Amino acid sequence: MERYHAGSSRLPTATRSPYARRVTHELSGRPAPARVEWIDRVGSTNVELVTRAGADPAAWPHLSALATTDQTAGRGRLDRVWTAPPGTALALSVVVRPDIRPDAYGWLSLLAGVAMTRALQDLGAVATLKWPNDVRIGGRKVCGILSELLPDLSGAVVGSGVNITLAKADLPVPTATSLAVEGVVASADDVVAAYLPHLATLVARLEESGGDAPAAGLVRETSDALDTLGRSVRVLLPDGSTRIGTATGIDDDGRLRVEQDGLPPLVVSAGEVTHLRY
């Protein structure tokens, strides 16, 4: 894979980059990434790409991507720190500017989770999705996703962090894993090439429906991908309170429905969901 470094004016194209040709072939006529740039090291691909795309939108159009295997100040959901030894994890951020109403942007993170789940399955992992967008193998997290709005509100940057070759001793918590620990032989390039076609296709379907996820069949497909549904869950809400119930589905906005004993159903748009084992 040809790598493009920060400060370079060269853009990967289907005629210039073997990687771009590979992705274009795998898309088979579906939307292709506009630009894929690798950088040797960065604090956060999300922060860097939000800055670059905000300052020069024309240079970073829809489906442009920035990637590294050495991210030093990554963040996850709830502002958790995400770090890994250099070269052992992929940090990938993608500019997504679909022509949809802004209130449908919430679907972008969910669809990214579905896309990454499918990508890792393509690479041989038995991957599942925990609402809203944690990708797991064997109940342990291998990928987290964080989206941030662009400054002009024209879309979002969708960031993914994937543990590729981390050894078990280097995993930050017992609930984490890596592709290598799970016996999946894949490089960061392999993950990017598998993920971007799935993401592009799902976002294109959302755009073609005008942001109407149910009409595009995306509510059903996301539900099918979610390992959360049908499970007993504990929900930590933004106000610090917790609720326990059974996750029964997602609504047309992608929010999680949780049935509670003796209480009205809970609709969760933001919060930390834990799968309970009883």
Foldseek 3Di string as FASTA:
>chain_A
DDAAEPPDPDFDDCVRDPLQVLLVVVLVPFDGAPGEHEYAEEQAQQVVVLVVCLVPVVSADAFHKYKYQHHNFYAAPPRHTDHFPRQFKMKMKTWHQFQADLLLLLCLQQLLLLLLQQLVVVQPAPWFAAPRRFIDGPQAGFKGWDWDARPVNRHIMIIMMGGAHDDPVRDPDPRHDHCVRVVGDDHNSSSVSSRSSSSRRVSVLCRVVRSFCVVSVNQVSSFVRHPQAQFWKWWQDPVRDIAIFGFHGADRSRWTWGDHVPDPIDTHPDTDIDGDDD
